[in-house]
Amino acid sequence: MTTTFPKSWPIMNYRVSYEHNLESAPYDYIARVPSRAVEEVPANLPAALLPEYVTDFILKHSTRIGKLRHLRIH
């Protein structure tokens, strides 16, 4: 018999701002995103890894984005 427990990990929600370019135009920064929600970030994530986690989250959910710059976590 296998018992499964619901994942009740503590989570954090953040607001971020950044600029980005498109994969099709890697040298042209074309957009400034003044505010975006990044939700369900594990609360036990070390602060030093938070920018990398947020960047990966954004790139996975926005497939046309090529590169981020000026990432700010609020």
N, C-alpha and C. Protein backbone atom coordinates (compact mmCIF):
# COMPACT_ATOMS: atom_id res chain seq x y z
N MET A 1 0.83 -1.16 0.00
CA MET A 1 0.00 0.00 0.00
C MET A 1 0.90 1.25 0.00
N THR A 2 0.57 2.18 -0.88
CA THR A 2 1.33 3.41 -1.00
C THR A 2 0.48 4.57 -0.52
N THR A 3 1.08 5.38 0.33
CA THR A 3 0.38 6.56 0.83
C THR A 3 1.06 7.79 0.26
N THR A 4 0.28 8.69 -0.27
CA THR A 4 0.84 9.94 -0.78
C THR A 4 0.32 11.09 0.08
N PHE A 5 1.19 12.03 0.31
CA PHE A 5 0.84 13.20 1.10
C PHE A 5 0.80 14.41 0.18
N PRO A 6 -0.14 15.31 0.39
CA PRO A 6 -0.16 16.53 -0.44
C PRO A 6 1.08 17.38 -0.15
N LYS A 7 1.58 17.99 -1.18
CA LYS A 7 2.74 18.87 -1.02
C LYS A 7 2.26 20.19 -0.42
N SER A 8 2.64 20.40 0.78
CA SER A 8 2.23 21.64 1.44
C SER A 8 3.47 22.47 1.78
N TRP A 9 4.32 22.64 0.80
CA TRP A 9 5.53 23.43 1.00
C TRP A 9 5.17 24.90 1.11
N PRO A 10 5.85 25.63 1.97
CA PRO A 10 5.60 27.07 2.02
C PRO A 10 6.09 27.73 0.73
N ILE A 11 5.33 28.67 0.22
CA ILE A 11 5.67 29.32 -1.03
C ILE A 11 5.68 30.83 -0.86
N MET A 12 6.36 31.50 -1.79
CA MET A 12 6.44 32.95 -1.81
C MET A 12 5.99 33.44 -3.18
N ASN A 13 5.46 34.63 -3.23
CA ASN A 13 5.10 35.28 -4.48
C ASN A 13 5.90 36.57 -4.58
N TYR A 14 6.41 36.85 -5.77
CA TYR A 14 7.24 38.04 -5.98
C TYR A 14 6.71 38.84 -7.16
N ARG A 15 7.00 40.13 -7.16
CA ARG A 15 6.79 41.00 -8.32
C ARG A 15 8.17 41.31 -8.87
N VAL A 16 8.32 41.25 -10.17
CA VAL A 16 9.60 41.52 -10.81
C VAL A 16 9.41 42.51 -11.95
N SER A 17 10.49 43.19 -12.31
CA SER A 17 10.51 44.03 -13.50
C SER A 17 11.80 43.72 -14.24
N TYR A 18 11.78 43.90 -15.56
CA TYR A 18 12.95 43.57 -16.37
C TYR A 18 12.78 44.12 -17.78
N GLU A 19 13.84 44.05 -18.55
CA GLU A 19 13.82 44.32 -19.99
C GLU A 19 14.17 43.02 -20.68
N HIS A 20 13.70 42.87 -21.90
CA HIS A 20 14.04 41.64 -22.63
C HIS A 20 14.10 41.89 -24.12
N ASN A 21 14.72 40.95 -24.81
CA ASN A 21 14.72 40.95 -26.26
C ASN A 21 14.04 39.68 -26.74
N LEU A 22 13.84 39.58 -28.04
CA LEU A 22 13.27 38.37 -28.62
C LEU A 22 14.39 37.48 -29.14
N GLU A 23 14.14 36.19 -29.20
CA GLU A 23 15.13 35.27 -29.78
C GLU A 23 15.46 35.65 -31.21
N SER A 24 14.47 36.16 -31.93
CA SER A 24 14.68 36.51 -33.33
C SER A 24 15.47 37.80 -33.51
N ALA A 25 15.62 38.61 -32.47
CA ALA A 25 16.38 39.86 -32.52
C ALA A 25 17.27 39.95 -31.28
N PRO A 26 18.33 39.15 -31.22
CA PRO A 26 19.11 39.03 -29.98
C PRO A 26 19.85 40.30 -29.56
N TYR A 27 20.09 41.25 -30.45
CA TYR A 27 20.84 42.44 -30.10
C TYR A 27 19.97 43.67 -29.88
N ASP A 28 18.68 43.51 -30.03
CA ASP A 28 17.75 44.62 -29.86
C ASP A 28 16.89 44.39 -28.62
N TYR A 29 17.07 45.24 -27.61
CA TYR A 29 16.19 45.15 -26.45
C TYR A 29 14.93 45.91 -26.80
N ILE A 30 13.83 45.20 -26.79
CA ILE A 30 12.63 45.78 -27.36
C ILE A 30 11.52 46.04 -26.36
N ALA A 31 11.62 45.47 -25.18
CA ALA A 31 10.48 45.62 -24.27
C ALA A 31 10.94 45.81 -22.83
N ARG A 32 10.22 46.64 -22.13
CA ARG A 32 10.42 46.81 -20.70
C ARG A 32 9.14 46.33 -20.03
N VAL A 33 9.29 45.41 -19.12
CA VAL A 33 8.15 44.88 -18.37
C VAL A 33 8.20 45.52 -16.98
N PRO A 34 7.29 46.45 -16.70
CA PRO A 34 7.36 47.17 -15.42
C PRO A 34 6.95 46.35 -14.21
N SER A 35 6.12 45.33 -14.40
CA SER A 35 5.69 44.51 -13.28
C SER A 35 5.12 43.19 -13.77
N ARG A 36 5.58 42.11 -13.16
CA ARG A 36 5.08 40.79 -13.50
C ARG A 36 5.11 39.95 -12.22
N ALA A 37 4.11 39.11 -12.06
CA ALA A 37 4.05 38.23 -10.89
C ALA A 37 4.79 36.94 -11.18
N VAL A 38 5.58 36.52 -10.22
CA VAL A 38 6.21 35.20 -10.24
C VAL A 38 5.70 34.53 -8.98
N GLU A 39 4.88 33.51 -9.17
CA GLU A 39 4.19 32.89 -8.05
C GLU A 39 4.71 31.50 -7.75
N GLU A 40 4.46 31.07 -6.54
CA GLU A 40 4.78 29.74 -6.05
C GLU A 40 6.27 29.43 -6.08
N VAL A 41 7.07 30.39 -5.63
CA VAL A 41 8.51 30.19 -5.48
C VAL A 41 8.71 29.51 -4.13
N PRO A 42 9.47 28.42 -4.07
CA PRO A 42 9.69 27.76 -2.78
C PRO A 42 10.30 28.73 -1.77
N ALA A 43 9.74 28.77 -0.59
CA ALA A 43 10.20 29.70 0.44
C ALA A 43 11.58 29.34 0.97
N ASN A 44 12.00 28.09 0.82
CA ASN A 44 13.31 27.68 1.32
C ASN A 44 14.42 27.87 0.28
N LEU A 45 14.13 28.53 -0.82
CA LEU A 45 15.12 28.81 -1.85
C LEU A 45 16.10 29.86 -1.32
N PRO A 46 17.41 29.59 -1.35
CA PRO A 46 18.38 30.59 -0.87
C PRO A 46 18.29 31.88 -1.68
N ALA A 47 18.48 32.99 -1.02
CA ALA A 47 18.36 34.30 -1.67
C ALA A 47 19.34 34.45 -2.83
N ALA A 48 20.50 33.83 -2.75
CA ALA A 48 21.49 33.92 -3.82
C ALA A 48 21.01 33.24 -5.10
N LEU A 49 20.11 32.28 -4.98
CA LEU A 49 19.60 31.56 -6.16
C LEU A 49 18.30 32.13 -6.70
N LEU A 50 17.72 33.09 -6.01
CA LEU A 50 16.44 33.64 -6.43
C LEU A 50 16.47 34.28 -7.82
N PRO A 51 17.47 35.12 -8.17
CA PRO A 51 17.48 35.70 -9.52
C PRO A 51 17.55 34.63 -10.63
N GLU A 52 18.33 33.59 -10.41
CA GLU A 52 18.43 32.52 -11.41
C GLU A 52 17.11 31.77 -11.53
N TYR A 53 16.45 31.51 -10.41
CA TYR A 53 15.16 30.83 -10.42
C TYR A 53 14.12 31.65 -11.17
N VAL A 54 14.07 32.95 -10.88
CA VAL A 54 13.09 33.84 -11.52
C VAL A 54 13.37 33.93 -13.02
N THR A 55 14.63 34.06 -13.39
CA THR A 55 14.99 34.11 -14.82
C THR A 55 14.55 32.84 -15.53
N ASP A 56 14.85 31.69 -14.96
CA ASP A 56 14.43 30.42 -15.57
C ASP A 56 12.92 30.33 -15.67
N PHE A 57 12.20 30.78 -14.64
CA PHE A 57 10.75 30.76 -14.65
C PHE A 57 10.20 31.58 -15.82
N ILE A 58 10.73 32.80 -15.97
CA ILE A 58 10.25 33.69 -17.03
C ILE A 58 10.56 33.10 -18.41
N LEU A 59 11.77 32.60 -18.60
CA LEU A 59 12.15 32.05 -19.90
C LEU A 59 11.35 30.80 -20.26
N LYS A 60 10.99 30.00 -19.28
CA LYS A 60 10.18 28.80 -19.55
C LYS A 60 8.74 29.15 -19.90
N HIS A 61 8.23 30.23 -19.33
CA HIS A 61 6.84 30.60 -19.56
C HIS A 61 6.65 31.60 -20.70
N SER A 62 7.73 32.15 -21.21
CA SER A 62 7.68 33.09 -22.34
C SER A 62 8.70 32.62 -23.36
N THR A 63 8.30 31.73 -24.21
CA THR A 63 9.23 31.05 -25.11
C THR A 63 9.86 31.95 -26.16
N ARG A 64 9.29 33.10 -26.44
CA ARG A 64 9.86 33.98 -27.47
C ARG A 64 10.96 34.89 -26.94
N ILE A 65 11.08 34.98 -25.63
CA ILE A 65 12.10 35.84 -25.03
C ILE A 65 13.47 35.19 -25.21
N GLY A 66 14.44 36.02 -25.61
CA GLY A 66 15.79 35.52 -25.79
C GLY A 66 16.66 35.71 -24.56
N LYS A 67 16.68 36.94 -24.01
CA LYS A 67 17.54 37.24 -22.89
C LYS A 67 16.92 38.35 -22.05
N LEU A 68 17.12 38.26 -20.74
CA LEU A 68 16.64 39.29 -19.83
C LEU A 68 17.79 40.18 -19.41
N ARG A 69 17.47 41.42 -19.07
CA ARG A 69 18.46 42.29 -18.44
C ARG A 69 17.75 43.21 -17.48
N HIS A 70 18.50 43.76 -16.55
CA HIS A 70 17.98 44.67 -15.52
C HIS A 70 16.83 44.03 -14.73
N LEU A 71 17.01 42.78 -14.34
CA LEU A 71 16.00 42.10 -13.52
C LEU A 71 16.01 42.70 -12.12
N ARG A 72 14.83 43.09 -11.67
CA ARG A 72 14.67 43.62 -10.31
C ARG A 72 13.55 42.83 -9.63
N ILE A 73 13.84 42.37 -8.44
CA ILE A 73 12.85 41.60 -7.67
C ILE A 73 12.33 42.51 -6.57
N HIS A 74 11.01 42.69 -6.53
CA HIS A 74 10.40 43.62 -5.57
C HIS A 74 9.77 42.85 -4.42
